[in-house]
Amino acid sequence: MIVQPSGIHHVTALAADPEKNVAFYTRVLGLRLVKQTVNFDAPHIWHLYYGDATGSPSTLMTFFPWPGVTSGREGSGLTTKSSFSVPREGISWWFDRLKSIEVNPSLSADGQEITFRDSAGMQLSLVATDGDTRSGWDGVGSIPQEFAVRGLHSVTLSQKVIDPTSELLVADLGMTHAADTKSGASFTMGDGNSGAQVEVLGGVLERGLQAGGTVHHVAFRAPDLSTMESWRQELSSRGIAVTEVLDRQYFKSIYFREPGGVLFEIATDDPGFEIDEPLLELGRKLKLPPWLEPSREQIAESLPSLGDLDD
């Protein structure tokens, strides 16, 4: 491999209710809404980004929420769990918090992972970790800063058989096969710490349905555009059908599907979310790329309410 990913850049999912989506990820999980924009391919649909104070790569969970979307179904060919890192000493605090707001959390036998579902029914977990130096977001008063969510920890892919997916992760994306598990295998990138792990579950026979409450795609990190272009050329030379480089305003992207059907993206770390609004004002207003600005009035009128954005 010429190029290798250093970790997860973001996870993007589908949801039905924008107001519930904002309330859950900002008030329940304590992430910062770092960008209000739209799906550039369907600008009547929100694209909301949540993460740490600056929207750093590896902390980002993003959503396309729109009312009326049908409910999806977990199964093979989908990312079926997104996991976040929290400090080990805060895991009991988080369990009590989630239990108190009736999201029915489940604590693993070893007490190191809390599994639950978000407002759209999508599976999430909080994983107890040590030494995660990411600061998270300390802007939610009800969550102590020392217990704040630090960022993404891992993603879990479900497949009927894992070998084709495993081969792509290792041979074409340069990941390390870290371990075999009872239900599949685990893979790491870069330093292998939180934000750089992929789990693959095998033997999932029912095909998943990508719709509301499911993940749309997983993005991996490339440091810059030149690296991405080299990566695209290499993937294409290996026979992988990969898109042209697309401008997502806050990063550049390419997309392709792994053999089991999961949509992957590779996204650049730069330029980031401060290119069109200052740090202190991130996520407060609708931001559009230059090519959509002429339609701002019509777009704004078509978007459903996000509810009360104050903490």
C-alpha atoms as a PDB file:
ATOM      1  CA  MET A   1       0.000   0.000   0.000  1.00  0.00           C
ATOM      2  CA  ILE A   2       1.204   3.473  -0.912  1.00  0.00           C
ATOM      3  CA  VAL A   3      -1.285   5.163   1.407  1.00  0.00           C
ATOM      4  CA  GLN A   4      -2.808   3.970   4.663  1.00  0.00           C
ATOM      5  CA  PRO A   5      -5.607   5.478   6.778  1.00  0.00           C
ATOM      6  CA  SER A   6      -4.775   6.891  10.193  1.00  0.00           C
ATOM      7  CA  GLY A   7      -8.277   6.334  11.517  1.00  0.00           C
ATOM      8  CA  ILE A   8     -11.974   7.052  11.144  1.00  0.00           C
ATOM      9  CA  HIS A   9     -12.827  10.531   9.872  1.00  0.00           C
ATOM     10  CA  HIS A  10     -16.593  10.438  10.453  1.00  0.00           C
ATOM     11  CA  VAL A  11     -19.713   8.320  10.366  1.00  0.00           C
ATOM     12  CA  THR A  12     -22.811   9.550   8.511  1.00  0.00           C
ATOM     13  CA  ALA A  13     -26.276   8.185   9.263  1.00  0.00           C
ATOM     14  CA  LEU A  14     -29.942   8.668   8.356  1.00  0.00           C
ATOM     15  CA  ALA A  15     -32.648   9.870  10.739  1.00  0.00           C
ATOM     16  CA  ALA A  16     -36.287  10.914  10.559  1.00  0.00           C
ATOM     17  CA  ASP A  17     -36.767  13.756  13.046  1.00  0.00           C
ATOM     18  CA  PRO A  18     -34.274  16.654  12.935  1.00  0.00           C
ATOM     19  CA  GLU A  19     -35.387  18.090  16.294  1.00  0.00           C
ATOM     20  CA  LYS A  20     -35.003  14.767  18.117  1.00  0.00           C
ATOM     21  CA  ASN A  21     -31.665  14.208  16.378  1.00  0.00           C
ATOM     22  CA  VAL A  22     -30.266  17.532  17.574  1.00  0.00           C
ATOM     23  CA  ALA A  23     -31.598  17.062  21.095  1.00  0.00           C
ATOM     24  CA  PHE A  24     -30.153  13.552  21.439  1.00  0.00           C
ATOM     25  CA  TYR A  25     -26.645  14.205  20.160  1.00  0.00           C
ATOM     26  CA  THR A  26     -26.170  17.592  21.821  1.00  0.00           C
ATOM     27  CA  ARG A  27     -28.054  17.198  25.104  1.00  0.00           C
ATOM     28  CA  VAL A  28     -27.881  13.460  25.780  1.00  0.00           C
ATOM     29  CA  LEU A  29     -24.406  12.650  24.415  1.00  0.00           C
ATOM     30  CA  GLY A  30     -23.037  16.158  24.832  1.00  0.00           C
ATOM     31  CA  LEU A  31     -21.532  16.594  21.371  1.00  0.00           C
ATOM     32  CA  ARG A  32     -21.221  20.002  19.782  1.00  0.00           C
ATOM     33  CA  LEU A  33     -23.332  20.826  16.743  1.00  0.00           C
ATOM     34  CA  VAL A  34     -20.427  22.112  14.669  1.00  0.00           C
ATOM     35  CA  LYS A  35     -22.140  22.658  11.328  1.00  0.00           C
ATOM     36  CA  GLN A  36     -25.629  23.223   9.991  1.00  0.00           C
ATOM     37  CA  THR A  37     -25.545  22.616   6.268  1.00  0.00           C
ATOM     38  CA  VAL A  38     -27.406  20.509   3.704  1.00  0.00           C
ATOM     39  CA  ASN A  39     -26.903  17.358   1.712  1.00  0.00           C
ATOM     40  CA  PHE A  40     -25.142  18.855  -1.297  1.00  0.00           C
ATOM     41  CA  ASP A  41     -26.775  16.255  -3.570  1.00  0.00           C
ATOM     42  CA  ALA A  42     -30.265  16.850  -2.099  1.00  0.00           C
ATOM     43  CA  PRO A  43     -30.283  20.360  -0.597  1.00  0.00           C
ATOM     44  CA  HIS A  44     -33.813  20.078   0.822  1.00  0.00           C
ATOM     45  CA  ILE A  45     -32.320  17.682   3.422  1.00  0.00           C
ATOM     46  CA  TRP A  46     -30.239  18.803   6.379  1.00  0.00           C
ATOM     47  CA  HIS A  47     -26.658  17.624   6.884  1.00  0.00           C
ATOM     48  CA  LEU A  48     -25.807  18.084  10.553  1.00  0.00           C
ATOM     49  CA  TYR A  49     -22.315  17.547  11.983  1.00  0.00           C
ATOM     50  CA  TYR A  50     -21.624  16.768  15.652  1.00  0.00           C
ATOM     51  CA  GLY A  51     -18.208  16.473  17.269  1.00  0.00           C
ATOM     52  CA  ASP A  52     -15.729  18.143  19.582  1.00  0.00           C
ATOM     53  CA  ALA A  53     -15.128  21.886  19.903  1.00  0.00           C
ATOM     54  CA  THR A  54     -13.700  22.235  16.388  1.00  0.00           C
ATOM     55  CA  GLY A  55     -15.227  19.224  14.635  1.00  0.00           C
ATOM     56  CA  SER A  56     -11.913  17.376  14.547  1.00  0.00           C
ATOM     57  CA  PRO A  57     -11.616  14.294  12.344  1.00  0.00           C
ATOM     58  CA  SER A  58     -12.313  11.119  14.367  1.00  0.00           C
ATOM     59  CA  THR A  59     -14.850  12.934  16.588  1.00  0.00           C
ATOM     60  CA  LEU A  60     -17.549  13.467  13.963  1.00  0.00           C
ATOM     61  CA  MET A  61     -20.973  11.879  13.743  1.00  0.00           C
ATOM     62  CA  THR A  62     -23.086  13.381  10.967  1.00  0.00           C
ATOM     63  CA  PHE A  63     -26.712  12.979   9.892  1.00  0.00           C
ATOM     64  CA  PHE A  64     -29.081  13.407   6.992  1.00  0.00           C
ATOM     65  CA  PRO A  65     -32.348  13.829   8.967  1.00  0.00           C
ATOM     66  CA  TRP A  66     -35.651  14.389   7.215  1.00  0.00           C
ATOM     67  CA  PRO A  67     -39.251  13.739   8.264  1.00  0.00           C
ATOM     68  CA  GLY A  68     -41.019  10.861   6.548  1.00  0.00           C
ATOM     69  CA  VAL A  69     -38.008   8.681   5.823  1.00  0.00           C
ATOM     70  CA  THR A  70     -38.889   5.002   6.241  1.00  0.00           C
ATOM     71  CA  SER A  71     -37.260   2.997   9.021  1.00  0.00           C
ATOM     72  CA  GLY A  72     -34.255   0.879   8.110  1.00  0.00           C
ATOM     73  CA  ARG A  73     -33.254  -2.569   9.283  1.00  0.00           C
ATOM     74  CA  GLU A  74     -29.943  -3.763  10.665  1.00  0.00           C
ATOM     75  CA  GLY A  75     -28.338  -6.618   8.775  1.00  0.00           C
ATOM     76  CA  SER A  76     -25.531  -7.646   6.471  1.00  0.00           C
ATOM     77  CA  GLY A  77     -24.017  -5.036   4.194  1.00  0.00           C
ATOM     78  CA  LEU A  78     -24.386  -2.228   6.719  1.00  0.00           C
ATOM     79  CA  THR A  79     -22.484  -0.561   9.520  1.00  0.00           C
ATOM     80  CA  THR A  80     -24.578  -1.703  12.475  1.00  0.00           C
ATOM     81  CA  LYS A  81     -22.912  -0.017  15.457  1.00  0.00           C
ATOM     82  CA  SER A  82     -21.017   3.215  16.018  1.00  0.00           C
ATOM     83  CA  SER A  83     -19.033   3.345  19.246  1.00  0.00           C
ATOM     84  CA  PHE A  84     -17.709   6.356  21.137  1.00  0.00           C
ATOM     85  CA  SER A  85     -14.827   6.630  23.598  1.00  0.00           C
ATOM     86  CA  VAL A  86     -15.377   7.823  27.162  1.00  0.00           C
ATOM     87  CA  PRO A  87     -12.922   7.857  30.077  1.00  0.00           C
ATOM     88  CA  ARG A  88     -12.944   4.582  31.987  1.00  0.00           C
ATOM     89  CA  GLU A  89     -13.724   6.308  35.278  1.00  0.00           C
ATOM     90  CA  GLY A  90     -16.881   7.784  33.744  1.00  0.00           C
ATOM     91  CA  ILE A  91     -18.543   4.592  32.504  1.00  0.00           C
ATOM     92  CA  SER A  92     -20.720   4.162  35.611  1.00  0.00           C
ATOM     93  CA  TRP A  93     -21.745   7.817  35.472  1.00  0.00           C
ATOM     94  CA  TRP A  94     -22.800   7.397  31.832  1.00  0.00           C
ATOM     95  CA  PHE A  95     -24.764   4.237  32.578  1.00  0.00           C
ATOM     96  CA  ASP A  96     -26.696   6.010  35.313  1.00  0.00           C
ATOM     97  CA  ARG A  97     -27.283   9.029  33.062  1.00  0.00           C
ATOM     98  CA  LEU A  98     -28.611   6.993  30.160  1.00  0.00           C
ATOM     99  CA  LYS A  99     -30.747   4.874  32.462  1.00  0.00           C
ATOM    100  CA  SER A 100     -32.244   7.996  34.033  1.00  0.00           C
ATOM    101  CA  ILE A 101     -33.429   9.281  30.660  1.00  0.00           C
ATOM    102  CA  GLU A 102     -34.865   5.883  29.718  1.00  0.00           C
ATOM    103  CA  VAL A 103     -32.837   4.937  26.653  1.00  0.00           C
ATOM    104  CA  ASN A 104     -32.550   1.377  28.049  1.00  0.00           C
ATOM    105  CA  PRO A 105     -28.750   1.060  28.199  1.00  0.00           C
ATOM    106  CA  SER A 106     -27.145  -2.366  28.484  1.00  0.00           C
ATOM    107  CA  LEU A 107     -23.832  -2.817  30.299  1.00  0.00           C
ATOM    108  CA  SER A 108     -21.431  -5.476  29.029  1.00  0.00           C
ATOM    109  CA  ALA A 109     -20.430  -8.351  31.305  1.00  0.00           C
ATOM    110  CA  ASP A 110     -17.032  -6.788  31.928  1.00  0.00           C
ATOM    111  CA  GLY A 111     -18.580  -3.393  32.656  1.00  0.00           C
ATOM    112  CA  GLN A 112     -16.545  -1.662  29.951  1.00  0.00           C
ATOM    113  CA  GLU A 113     -19.161  -0.940  27.256  1.00  0.00           C
ATOM    114  CA  ILE A 114     -22.655   0.541  27.332  1.00  0.00           C
ATOM    115  CA  THR A 115     -24.892  -0.307  24.371  1.00  0.00           C
ATOM    116  CA  PHE A 116     -28.065   1.665  23.619  1.00  0.00           C
ATOM    117  CA  ARG A 117     -30.037   3.226  20.760  1.00  0.00           C
ATOM    118  CA  ASP A 118     -30.467   6.813  19.681  1.00  0.00           C
ATOM    119  CA  SER A 119     -33.722   8.668  19.001  1.00  0.00           C
ATOM    120  CA  ALA A 120     -34.058   6.979  15.580  1.00  0.00           C
ATOM    121  CA  GLY A 121     -33.319   3.484  16.882  1.00  0.00           C
ATOM    122  CA  MET A 122     -29.717   3.290  15.672  1.00  0.00           C
ATOM    123  CA  GLN A 123     -27.322   1.206  17.760  1.00  0.00           C
ATOM    124  CA  LEU A 124     -24.572   3.079  19.589  1.00  0.00           C
ATOM    125  CA  SER A 125     -22.170   2.291  22.389  1.00  0.00           C
ATOM    126  CA  LEU A 126     -19.861   4.029  24.833  1.00  0.00           C
ATOM    127  CA  VAL A 127     -16.550   2.234  25.371  1.00  0.00           C
ATOM    128  CA  ALA A 128     -14.412   2.779  28.475  1.00  0.00           C
ATOM    129  CA  THR A 129     -10.882   3.761  27.432  1.00  0.00           C
ATOM    130  CA  ASP A 130      -7.634   4.914  29.001  1.00  0.00           C
ATOM    131  CA  GLY A 131      -5.271   7.515  27.610  1.00  0.00           C
ATOM    132  CA  ASP A 132      -7.592   9.062  25.014  1.00  0.00           C
ATOM    133  CA  THR A 133      -6.096  12.550  24.748  1.00  0.00           C
ATOM    134  CA  ARG A 134      -8.917  14.012  22.674  1.00  0.00           C
ATOM    135  CA  SER A 135     -10.653  16.687  24.715  1.00  0.00           C
ATOM    136  CA  GLY A 136     -14.239  16.219  23.568  1.00  0.00           C
ATOM    137  CA  TRP A 137     -16.698  19.082  24.033  1.00  0.00           C
ATOM    138  CA  ASP A 138     -17.232  20.710  27.412  1.00  0.00           C
ATOM    139  CA  GLY A 139     -20.097  22.968  26.419  1.00  0.00           C
ATOM    140  CA  VAL A 140     -22.903  20.949  28.026  1.00  0.00           C
ATOM    141  CA  GLY A 141     -23.258  21.868  31.687  1.00  0.00           C
ATOM    142  CA  SER A 142     -25.001  18.658  32.705  1.00  0.00           C
ATOM    143  CA  ILE A 143     -21.989  16.557  31.630  1.00  0.00           C
ATOM    144  CA  PRO A 144     -18.745  16.890  33.633  1.00  0.00           C
ATOM    145  CA  GLN A 145     -15.835  17.685  31.325  1.00  0.00           C
ATOM    146  CA  GLU A 146     -13.814  14.813  32.771  1.00  0.00           C
ATOM    147  CA  PHE A 147     -16.507  12.363  31.579  1.00  0.00           C
ATOM    148  CA  ALA A 148     -17.208  13.954  28.177  1.00  0.00           C
ATOM    149  CA  VAL A 149     -17.374  11.808  25.053  1.00  0.00           C
ATOM    150  CA  ARG A 150     -13.918  12.011  23.474  1.00  0.00           C
ATOM    151  CA  GLY A 151     -14.825  10.988  19.928  1.00  0.00           C
ATOM    152  CA  LEU A 152     -15.488   7.920  17.845  1.00  0.00           C
ATOM    153  CA  HIS A 153     -13.946   4.697  19.120  1.00  0.00           C
ATOM    154  CA  SER A 154     -14.840   2.142  16.427  1.00  0.00           C
ATOM    155  CA  VAL A 155     -17.398   1.045  13.874  1.00  0.00           C
ATOM    156  CA  THR A 156     -18.932  -2.412  13.473  1.00  0.00           C
ATOM    157  CA  LEU A 157     -19.738  -3.829  10.037  1.00  0.00           C
ATOM    158  CA  SER A 158     -22.105  -6.793   9.619  1.00  0.00           C
ATOM    159  CA  GLN A 159     -21.552  -9.297   6.795  1.00  0.00           C
ATOM    160  CA  LYS A 160     -22.698 -12.742   5.713  1.00  0.00           C
ATOM    161  CA  VAL A 161     -19.052 -13.736   5.245  1.00  0.00           C
ATOM    162  CA  ILE A 162     -16.116 -11.673   6.420  1.00  0.00           C
ATOM    163  CA  ASP A 163     -13.291 -12.823   4.114  1.00  0.00           C
ATOM    164  CA  PRO A 164     -13.957 -10.474   1.138  1.00  0.00           C
ATOM    165  CA  THR A 165     -14.340  -7.505   3.475  1.00  0.00           C
ATOM    166  CA  SER A 166     -11.273  -8.496   5.491  1.00  0.00           C
ATOM    167  CA  GLU A 167      -9.196  -8.776   2.339  1.00  0.00           C
ATOM    168  CA  LEU A 168     -10.155  -5.280   1.223  1.00  0.00           C
ATOM    169  CA  LEU A 169      -9.491  -3.752   4.643  1.00  0.00           C
ATOM    170  CA  VAL A 170      -5.994  -5.243   4.768  1.00  0.00           C
ATOM    171  CA  ALA A 171      -4.869  -5.436   1.134  1.00  0.00           C
ATOM    172  CA  ASP A 172      -6.529  -2.308  -0.256  1.00  0.00           C
ATOM    173  CA  LEU A 173      -6.856  -0.033   2.771  1.00  0.00           C
ATOM    174  CA  GLY A 174      -3.701  -1.056   4.628  1.00  0.00           C
ATOM    175  CA  MET A 175      -5.361  -1.919   7.928  1.00  0.00           C
ATOM    176  CA  THR A 176      -3.902  -4.425  10.360  1.00  0.00           C
ATOM    177  CA  HIS A 177      -5.793  -7.621  11.159  1.00  0.00           C
ATOM    178  CA  ALA A 178      -5.597  -7.270  14.926  1.00  0.00           C
ATOM    179  CA  ALA A 179      -7.508 -10.327  16.136  1.00  0.00           C
ATOM    180  CA  ASP A 180     -10.099 -12.962  15.385  1.00  0.00           C
ATOM    181  CA  THR A 181     -13.170 -12.892  17.603  1.00  0.00           C
ATOM    182  CA  LYS A 182     -15.980 -15.332  18.315  1.00  0.00           C
ATOM    183  CA  SER A 183     -18.190 -13.557  15.798  1.00  0.00           C
ATOM    184  CA  GLY A 184     -15.703 -12.128  13.311  1.00  0.00           C
ATOM    185  CA  ALA A 185     -12.495 -10.123  13.309  1.00  0.00           C
ATOM    186  CA  SER A 186     -11.085  -6.766  14.412  1.00  0.00           C
ATOM    187  CA  PHE A 187      -8.868  -4.396  12.444  1.00  0.00           C
ATOM    188  CA  THR A 188      -6.839  -1.332  13.353  1.00  0.00           C
ATOM    189  CA  MET A 189      -5.333   1.697  11.636  1.00  0.00           C
ATOM    190  CA  GLY A 190      -2.458   3.949  12.589  1.00  0.00           C
ATOM    191  CA  ASP A 191      -1.763   3.655  16.315  1.00  0.00           C
ATOM    192  CA  GLY A 192      -4.758   1.358  16.754  1.00  0.00           C
ATOM    193  CA  ASN A 193      -6.218   3.439  19.569  1.00  0.00           C
ATOM    194  CA  SER A 194      -9.730   4.878  19.873  1.00  0.00           C
ATOM    195  CA  GLY A 195     -10.923   6.285  16.585  1.00  0.00           C
ATOM    196  CA  ALA A 196      -8.856   3.800  14.587  1.00  0.00           C
ATOM    197  CA  GLN A 197     -10.687   0.487  14.971  1.00  0.00           C
ATOM    198  CA  VAL A 198     -13.065  -1.534  12.798  1.00  0.00           C
ATOM    199  CA  GLU A 199     -14.984  -4.629  13.883  1.00  0.00           C
ATOM    200  CA  VAL A 200     -16.455  -7.034  11.307  1.00  0.00           C
ATOM    201  CA  LEU A 201     -19.196  -9.462  12.305  1.00  0.00           C
ATOM    202  CA  GLY A 202     -19.740 -12.544  10.167  1.00  0.00           C
ATOM    203  CA  GLY A 203     -22.667 -14.914   9.780  1.00  0.00           C
ATOM    204  CA  VAL A 204     -25.295 -12.163   9.543  1.00  0.00           C
ATOM    205  CA  LEU A 205     -27.689 -13.763   7.069  1.00  0.00           C
ATOM    206  CA  GLU A 206     -30.470 -11.199   6.726  1.00  0.00           C
ATOM    207  CA  ARG A 207     -29.663  -8.331   4.404  1.00  0.00           C
ATOM    208  CA  GLY A 208     -29.878  -4.923   6.013  1.00  0.00           C
ATOM    209  CA  LEU A 209     -32.098  -2.120   4.726  1.00  0.00           C
ATOM    210  CA  GLN A 210     -30.462   1.289   4.584  1.00  0.00           C
ATOM    211  CA  ALA A 211     -33.025   3.901   5.660  1.00  0.00           C
ATOM    212  CA  GLY A 212     -33.891   5.849   8.805  1.00  0.00           C
ATOM    213  CA  GLY A 213     -31.948   4.761  11.875  1.00  0.00           C
ATOM    214  CA  THR A 214     -29.061   3.205   9.943  1.00  0.00           C
ATOM    215  CA  VAL A 215     -25.582   4.294   8.911  1.00  0.00           C
ATOM    216  CA  HIS A 216     -25.179   5.658   5.390  1.00  0.00           C
ATOM    217  CA  HIS A 217     -21.384   5.486   5.173  1.00  0.00           C
ATOM    218  CA  VAL A 218     -18.129   5.381   7.109  1.00  0.00           C
ATOM    219  CA  ALA A 219     -15.307   7.772   6.210  1.00  0.00           C
ATOM    220  CA  PHE A 220     -11.609   7.149   6.799  1.00  0.00           C
ATOM    221  CA  ARG A 221      -8.924   9.811   7.113  1.00  0.00           C
ATOM    222  CA  ALA A 222      -6.517  11.143   4.526  1.00  0.00           C
ATOM    223  CA  PRO A 223      -4.333  14.055   5.673  1.00  0.00           C
ATOM    224  CA  ASP A 224      -4.610  16.138   2.497  1.00  0.00           C
ATOM    225  CA  LEU A 225      -5.747  16.275  -1.122  1.00  0.00           C
ATOM    226  CA  SER A 226      -2.502  15.043  -2.672  1.00  0.00           C
ATOM    227  CA  THR A 227      -2.594  11.970  -0.452  1.00  0.00           C
ATOM    228  CA  MET A 228      -6.218  11.362  -1.413  1.00  0.00           C
ATOM    229  CA  GLU A 229      -5.426  11.614  -5.113  1.00  0.00           C
ATOM    230  CA  SER A 230      -2.636   9.061  -4.728  1.00  0.00           C
ATOM    231  CA  TRP A 231      -4.995   6.820  -2.801  1.00  0.00           C
ATOM    232  CA  ARG A 232      -7.693   7.128  -5.449  1.00  0.00           C
ATOM    233  CA  GLN A 233      -5.257   6.178  -8.196  1.00  0.00           C
ATOM    234  CA  GLU A 234      -4.099   3.147  -6.250  1.00  0.00           C
ATOM    235  CA  LEU A 235      -7.614   1.942  -5.496  1.00  0.00           C
ATOM    236  CA  SER A 236      -8.624   2.393  -9.114  1.00  0.00           C
ATOM    237  CA  SER A 237      -5.562   0.441 -10.287  1.00  0.00           C
ATOM    238  CA  ARG A 238      -6.706  -2.434  -8.089  1.00  0.00           C
ATOM    239  CA  GLY A 239     -10.038  -2.592  -9.900  1.00  0.00           C
ATOM    240  CA  ILE A 240     -12.124  -0.805  -7.284  1.00  0.00           C
ATOM    241  CA  ALA A 241     -14.878   1.422  -8.681  1.00  0.00           C
ATOM    242  CA  VAL A 242     -14.122   4.704  -6.947  1.00  0.00           C
ATOM    243  CA  THR A 243     -15.668   8.123  -7.564  1.00  0.00           C
ATOM    244  CA  GLU A 244     -13.886  11.242  -8.683  1.00  0.00           C
ATOM    245  CA  VAL A 245     -12.730  13.570  -5.916  1.00  0.00           C
ATOM    246  CA  LEU A 246     -15.771  15.486  -4.668  1.00  0.00           C
ATOM    247  CA  ASP A 247     -15.774  18.846  -2.887  1.00  0.00           C
ATOM    248  CA  ARG A 248     -17.623  18.598   0.428  1.00  0.00           C
ATOM    249  CA  GLN A 249     -16.626  22.161   1.399  1.00  0.00           C
ATOM    250  CA  TYR A 250     -15.068  21.144   4.731  1.00  0.00           C
ATOM    251  CA  PHE A 251     -13.081  18.264   3.220  1.00  0.00           C
ATOM    252  CA  LYS A 252     -12.567  16.509  -0.108  1.00  0.00           C
ATOM    253  CA  SER A 253     -13.941  12.994  -0.582  1.00  0.00           C
ATOM    254  CA  ILE A 254     -13.956   9.844  -2.660  1.00  0.00           C
ATOM    255  CA  TYR A 255     -16.434   6.968  -2.299  1.00  0.00           C
ATOM    256  CA  PHE A 256     -16.523   3.254  -3.068  1.00  0.00           C
ATOM    257  CA  ARG A 257     -18.204   0.089  -1.780  1.00  0.00           C
ATOM    258  CA  GLU A 258     -16.472  -2.807  -0.115  1.00  0.00           C
ATOM    259  CA  PRO A 259     -17.425  -6.325  -1.307  1.00  0.00           C
ATOM    260  CA  GLY A 260     -20.153  -6.781   1.306  1.00  0.00           C
ATOM    261  CA  GLY A 261     -21.894  -3.570   0.254  1.00  0.00           C
ATOM    262  CA  VAL A 262     -20.903  -1.062   2.944  1.00  0.00           C
ATOM    263  CA  LEU A 263     -20.292   2.389   1.486  1.00  0.00           C
ATOM    264  CA  PHE A 264     -16.861   3.767   2.357  1.00  0.00           C
ATOM    265  CA  GLU A 265     -15.589   7.313   2.005  1.00  0.00           C
ATOM    266  CA  ILE A 266     -12.079   8.669   2.283  1.00  0.00           C
ATOM    267  CA  ALA A 267     -12.085  12.272   3.494  1.00  0.00           C
ATOM    268  CA  THR A 268      -9.298  14.801   3.914  1.00  0.00           C
ATOM    269  CA  ASP A 269      -8.509  16.258   7.336  1.00  0.00           C
ATOM    270  CA  ASP A 270      -8.457  19.767   5.899  1.00  0.00           C
ATOM    271  CA  PRO A 271      -9.694  22.463   5.457  1.00  0.00           C
ATOM    272  CA  GLY A 272     -12.071  21.932   8.401  1.00  0.00           C
ATOM    273  CA  PHE A 273     -15.148  23.722   9.696  1.00  0.00           C
ATOM    274  CA  GLU A 274     -13.795  27.182  10.403  1.00  0.00           C
ATOM    275  CA  ILE A 275     -13.530  28.182   6.741  1.00  0.00           C
ATOM    276  CA  ASP A 276     -16.995  29.799   6.718  1.00  0.00           C
ATOM    277  CA  GLU A 277     -17.677  30.744  10.359  1.00  0.00           C
ATOM    278  CA  PRO A 278     -15.533  31.469  13.422  1.00  0.00           C
ATOM    279  CA  LEU A 279     -14.868  28.867  16.086  1.00  0.00           C
ATOM    280  CA  LEU A 280     -17.173  30.388  18.699  1.00  0.00           C
ATOM    281  CA  GLU A 281     -20.097  30.467  16.249  1.00  0.00           C
ATOM    282  CA  LEU A 282     -19.781  26.980  14.763  1.00  0.00           C
ATOM    283  CA  GLY A 283     -23.123  25.315  14.155  1.00  0.00           C
ATOM    284  CA  ARG A 284     -25.326  28.302  14.890  1.00  0.00           C
ATOM    285  CA  LYS A 285     -26.475  29.176  11.365  1.00  0.00           C
ATOM    286  CA  LEU A 286     -27.219  27.491   8.068  1.00  0.00           C
ATOM    287  CA  LYS A 287     -24.053  27.449   5.958  1.00  0.00           C
ATOM    288  CA  LEU A 288     -24.091  26.703   2.237  1.00  0.00           C
ATOM    289  CA  PRO A 289     -21.322  26.123  -0.296  1.00  0.00           C
ATOM    290  CA  PRO A 290     -20.875  28.874  -2.912  1.00  0.00           C
ATOM    291  CA  TRP A 291     -22.712  26.943  -5.620  1.00  0.00           C
ATOM    292  CA  LEU A 292     -25.876  26.735  -3.481  1.00  0.00           C
ATOM    293  CA  GLU A 293     -25.858  30.306  -2.150  1.00  0.00           C
ATOM    294  CA  PRO A 294     -28.035  31.633  -5.028  1.00  0.00           C
ATOM    295  CA  SER A 295     -30.800  29.276  -3.820  1.00  0.00           C
ATOM    296  CA  ARG A 296     -30.426  30.095  -0.103  1.00  0.00           C
ATOM    297  CA  GLU A 297     -33.948  31.469   0.379  1.00  0.00           C
ATOM    298  CA  GLN A 298     -35.663  28.484  -1.254  1.00  0.00           C
ATOM    299  CA  ILE A 299     -33.416  25.995   0.568  1.00  0.00           C
ATOM    300  CA  ALA A 300     -33.960  27.605   3.963  1.00  0.00           C
ATOM    301  CA  GLU A 301     -37.723  27.583   3.485  1.00  0.00           C
ATOM    302  CA  SER A 302     -37.717  23.887   2.562  1.00  0.00           C
ATOM    303  CA  LEU A 303     -35.790  22.715   5.639  1.00  0.00           C
ATOM    304  CA  PRO A 304     -37.685  21.471   8.716  1.00  0.00           C
ATOM    305  CA  SER A 305     -37.116  23.046  12.118  1.00  0.00           C
ATOM    306  CA  LEU A 306     -34.207  21.966  14.310  1.00  0.00           C
ATOM    307  CA  GLY A 307     -35.982  23.071  17.455  1.00  0.00           C
ATOM    308  CA  ASP A 308     -34.377  24.931  20.319  1.00  0.00           C
ATOM    309  CA  LEU A 309     -30.587  24.927  19.832  1.00  0.00           C
ATOM    310  CA  ASP A 310     -29.793  26.480  23.207  1.00  0.00           C
ATOM    311  CA  ASP A 311     -28.226  24.150  25.787  1.00  0.00           C
END
